[in-house]
C-alpha atoms as a PDB file:
ATOM      1  CA  MET A   1     -12.191 -21.994   5.515  1.00  0.00           C
ATOM      2  CA  LYS A   2     -10.735 -21.339   2.073  1.00  0.00           C
ATOM      3  CA  ASP A   3     -13.559 -18.999   1.175  1.00  0.00           C
ATOM      4  CA  LYS A   4     -12.911 -16.668   4.100  1.00  0.00           C
ATOM      5  CA  ALA A   5      -9.194 -16.447   3.325  1.00  0.00           C
ATOM      6  CA  ASP A   6      -9.987 -15.735  -0.341  1.00  0.00           C
ATOM      7  CA  ARG A   7     -12.500 -13.034   0.579  1.00  0.00           C
ATOM      8  CA  LEU A   8     -10.062 -11.367   2.951  1.00  0.00           C
ATOM      9  CA  LEU A   9      -7.320 -11.467   0.346  1.00  0.00           C
ATOM     10  CA  LEU A  10      -9.596 -10.033  -2.317  1.00  0.00           C
ATOM     11  CA  ASN A  11     -10.819  -7.288  -0.013  1.00  0.00           C
ATOM     12  CA  TYR A  12      -7.209  -6.491   0.878  1.00  0.00           C
ATOM     13  CA  LEU A  13      -6.350  -6.183  -2.809  1.00  0.00           C
ATOM     14  CA  LEU A  14      -9.361  -3.958  -3.523  1.00  0.00           C
ATOM     15  CA  SER A  15      -8.687  -1.665  -0.576  1.00  0.00           C
ATOM     16  CA  GLY A  16      -5.033  -1.415  -1.602  1.00  0.00           C
ATOM     17  CA  VAL A  17      -5.994  -0.480  -5.149  1.00  0.00           C
ATOM     18  CA  GLY A  18      -8.534   1.999  -3.796  1.00  0.00           C
ATOM     19  CA  SER A  19      -5.875   3.559  -1.579  1.00  0.00           C
ATOM     20  CA  ALA A  20      -3.523   3.930  -4.531  1.00  0.00           C
ATOM     21  CA  ILE A  21      -6.249   5.513  -6.664  1.00  0.00           C
ATOM     22  CA  PHE A  22      -7.215   8.006  -3.965  1.00  0.00           C
ATOM     23  CA  PHE A  23      -3.538   8.852  -3.432  1.00  0.00           C
ATOM     24  CA  ILE A  24      -2.988   9.492  -7.129  1.00  0.00           C
ATOM     25  CA  ILE A  25      -6.073  11.691  -7.299  1.00  0.00           C
ATOM     26  CA  PHE A  26      -4.822  13.595  -4.233  1.00  0.00           C
ATOM     27  CA  LEU A  27      -1.447  14.137  -5.890  1.00  0.00           C
ATOM     28  CA  VAL A  28      -3.052  15.334  -9.129  1.00  0.00           C
ATOM     29  CA  LEU A  29      -5.186  17.820  -7.202  1.00  0.00           C
ATOM     30  CA  LEU A  30      -2.150  18.978  -5.254  1.00  0.00           C
ATOM     31  CA  TYR A  31      -0.265  19.467  -8.511  1.00  0.00           C
ATOM     32  CA  LEU A  32      -3.231  21.385  -9.933  1.00  0.00           C
ATOM     33  CA  ALA A  33      -3.265  23.653  -6.902  1.00  0.00           C
ATOM     34  CA  LEU A  34       0.462  24.335  -7.318  1.00  0.00           C
ATOM     35  CA  VAL A  35       0.163  25.043 -11.047  1.00  0.00           C
ATOM     36  CA  LEU A  36      -2.812  27.383 -10.664  1.00  0.00           C
ATOM     37  CA  GLU A  37      -1.089  29.281  -7.820  1.00  0.00           C
ATOM     38  CA  LYS A  38      -4.522  30.608  -6.967  1.00  0.00           C
ATOM     39  CA  THR A  39      -7.194  28.295  -5.663  1.00  0.00           C
ATOM     40  CA  ASP A  40     -10.621  28.578  -4.174  1.00  0.00           C
ATOM     41  CA  MET A  41     -12.202  26.800  -1.220  1.00  0.00           C
ATOM     42  CA  PHE A  42     -13.767  24.135  -3.414  1.00  0.00           C
ATOM     43  CA  LEU A  43     -10.386  22.814  -4.543  1.00  0.00           C
ATOM     44  CA  TYR A  44      -9.136  22.795  -0.950  1.00  0.00           C
ATOM     45  CA  PHE A  45     -12.254  20.894   0.096  1.00  0.00           C
ATOM     46  CA  VAL A  46     -11.843  18.307  -2.648  1.00  0.00           C
ATOM     47  CA  MET A  47      -8.129  17.907  -1.803  1.00  0.00           C
ATOM     48  CA  LEU A  48      -8.972  17.411   1.837  1.00  0.00           C
ATOM     49  CA  LEU A  49     -11.704  14.935   0.966  1.00  0.00           C
ATOM     50  CA  PHE A  50      -9.398  12.769  -1.148  1.00  0.00           C
ATOM     51  CA  GLY A  51      -6.654  13.026   1.460  1.00  0.00           C
ATOM     52  CA  PHE A  52      -9.032  11.714   4.097  1.00  0.00           C
ATOM     53  CA  LEU A  53     -10.273   8.979   1.747  1.00  0.00           C
ATOM     54  CA  TRP A  54      -6.688   7.912   1.138  1.00  0.00           C
ATOM     55  CA  ILE A  55      -5.978   7.732   4.871  1.00  0.00           C
ATOM     56  CA  GLY A  56      -9.248   5.912   5.581  1.00  0.00           C
ATOM     57  CA  VAL A  57      -8.877   3.284   2.872  1.00  0.00           C
ATOM     58  CA  THR A  58      -5.233   2.775   3.951  1.00  0.00           C
ATOM     59  CA  SER A  59      -6.491   2.065   7.471  1.00  0.00           C
ATOM     60  CA  ILE A  60      -9.022  -0.427   6.149  1.00  0.00           C
ATOM     61  CA  SER A  61      -6.272  -2.089   4.118  1.00  0.00           C
ATOM     62  CA  ARG A  62      -4.058  -2.314   7.228  1.00  0.00           C
ATOM     63  CA  HIS A  63      -6.910  -3.839   9.230  1.00  0.00           C
ATOM     64  CA  LEU A  64      -7.574  -6.459   6.544  1.00  0.00           C
ATOM     65  CA  PHE A  65      -3.867  -7.289   6.457  1.00  0.00           C
ATOM     66  CA  VAL A  66      -3.789  -7.866  10.220  1.00  0.00           C
ATOM     67  CA  VAL A  67      -7.025  -9.906  10.236  1.00  0.00           C
ATOM     68  CA  LEU A  68      -5.795 -12.089   7.359  1.00  0.00           C
ATOM     69  CA  LYS A  69      -2.431 -12.727   8.989  1.00  0.00           C
ATOM     70  CA  ARG A  70      -4.122 -13.682  12.248  1.00  0.00           C
ATOM     71  CA  TYR A  71      -6.598 -15.892  10.414  1.00  0.00           C
ATOM     72  CA  ILE A  72      -3.820 -17.978   8.928  1.00  0.00           C
ATOM     73  CA  GLY A  73      -2.014 -18.091  12.294  1.00  0.00           C
ATOM     74  CA  LYS A  74       0.913 -15.808  11.545  1.00  0.00           C
ATOM     75  CA  GLU A  75       2.394 -13.178  13.831  1.00  0.00           C
ATOM     76  CA  ILE A  76       2.895  -9.663  12.567  1.00  0.00           C
ATOM     77  CA  SER A  77       6.235  -7.975  13.147  1.00  0.00           C
ATOM     78  CA  VAL A  78       6.460  -4.273  13.910  1.00  0.00           C
ATOM     79  CA  LEU A  79       8.257  -3.563  10.661  1.00  0.00           C
ATOM     80  CA  GLU A  80       5.626  -5.477   8.721  1.00  0.00           C
ATOM     81  CA  PHE A  81       2.848  -3.558  10.447  1.00  0.00           C
ATOM     82  CA  LEU A  82       4.489  -0.211   9.723  1.00  0.00           C
ATOM     83  CA  SER A  83       5.088  -1.151   6.106  1.00  0.00           C
ATOM     84  CA  THR A  84       1.321  -1.356   5.612  1.00  0.00           C
ATOM     85  CA  GLN A  85       1.220   2.420   5.754  1.00  0.00           C
ATOM     86  CA  PHE A  86       3.047   2.479   2.416  1.00  0.00           C
ATOM     87  CA  ILE A  87       0.419   0.341   0.689  1.00  0.00           C
ATOM     88  CA  VAL A  88       0.519   2.655  -2.330  1.00  0.00           C
ATOM     89  CA  VAL A  89       4.101   1.639  -3.082  1.00  0.00           C
ATOM     90  CA  LEU A  90       4.290  -1.852  -1.568  1.00  0.00           C
ATOM     91  CA  LEU A  91       0.923  -3.319  -2.603  1.00  0.00           C
ATOM     92  CA  PRO A  92       2.246  -5.723  -5.269  1.00  0.00           C
ATOM     93  CA  PHE A  93       4.919  -7.097  -2.923  1.00  0.00           C
ATOM     94  CA  LEU A  94       2.665  -7.399   0.117  1.00  0.00           C
ATOM     95  CA  TYR A  95      -0.145  -8.966  -1.920  1.00  0.00           C
ATOM     96  CA  LEU A  96       2.100 -11.580  -3.514  1.00  0.00           C
ATOM     97  CA  LYS A  97       3.643 -12.382  -0.130  1.00  0.00           C
ATOM     98  CA  LEU A  98       0.213 -12.815   1.430  1.00  0.00           C
ATOM     99  CA  ARG A  99      -0.970 -14.980  -1.439  1.00  0.00           C
ATOM    100  CA  ARG A 100       2.084 -17.200  -1.073  1.00  0.00           C
ATOM    101  CA  GLU A 101       1.559 -17.468   2.718  1.00  0.00           C
ATOM    102  CA  ILE A 102      -2.086 -18.438   2.181  1.00  0.00           C
ATOM    103  CA  GLY A 103      -0.964 -21.146  -0.264  1.00  0.00           C
ATOM    104  CA  ILE A 104       1.446 -22.535   2.328  1.00  0.00           C
ATOM    105  CA  TRP A 105      -1.267 -22.333   4.998  1.00  0.00           C
ATOM    106  CA  ARG A 106      -3.678 -24.262   2.767  1.00  0.00           C
ATOM    107  CA  GLU A 107      -1.156 -26.996   2.165  1.00  0.00           C
ATOM    108  CA  LYS A 108      -0.601 -27.364   5.896  1.00  0.00           C
ATOM    109  CA  GLU A 109      -4.347 -27.428   6.517  1.00  0.00           C
ATOM    110  CA  GLU A 110      -4.846 -30.169   3.904  1.00  0.00           C
ATOM    111  CA  GLN A 111      -1.972 -32.211   5.302  1.00  0.00           C
ATOM    112  CA  GLY A 112      -3.292 -31.764   8.825  1.00  0.00           C
ATOM    113  CA  GLY A 113      -6.773 -32.836   7.749  1.00  0.00           C
ATOM    114  CA  ASP A 114      -5.364 -36.016   6.192  1.00  0.00           C
ATOM    115  CA  GLU A 115      -3.492 -36.876   9.397  1.00  0.00           C
ATOM    116  CA  ILE A 116      -6.609 -36.394  11.496  1.00  0.00           C
ATOM    117  CA  ARG A 117      -8.617 -38.632   9.163  1.00  0.00           C
ATOM    118  CA  ARG A 118      -5.994 -41.403   9.460  1.00  0.00           C
ATOM    119  CA  PHE A 119      -6.355 -41.456  13.263  1.00  0.00           C
ATOM    120  CA  LEU A 120     -10.136 -41.663  13.058  1.00  0.00           C
END
């Protein structure tokens, strides 16, 4: 059980970092387009590509967040779900919160396992 939670948490972190990287690249390309004041279709295509990559990886990150929370038996509030859209800004806070919740979940699982063994 611990391995699956660790894998989900690691994948959440990687997708969050990927989302931030794609967002930064998108902003750099947008800045480049504004500075040049004259762009060609290739730059528009690359900007669109990185914009879609940012949105896609953010969606994957949101999905991993929801799956991980459900795996550890937690409910997701509406505000918490909407905050996953801002993964670029909130990644450190959300990751640390998830890691802390997984630690608490593990402690409960270990205590529950000891209680079951006592009854057997």
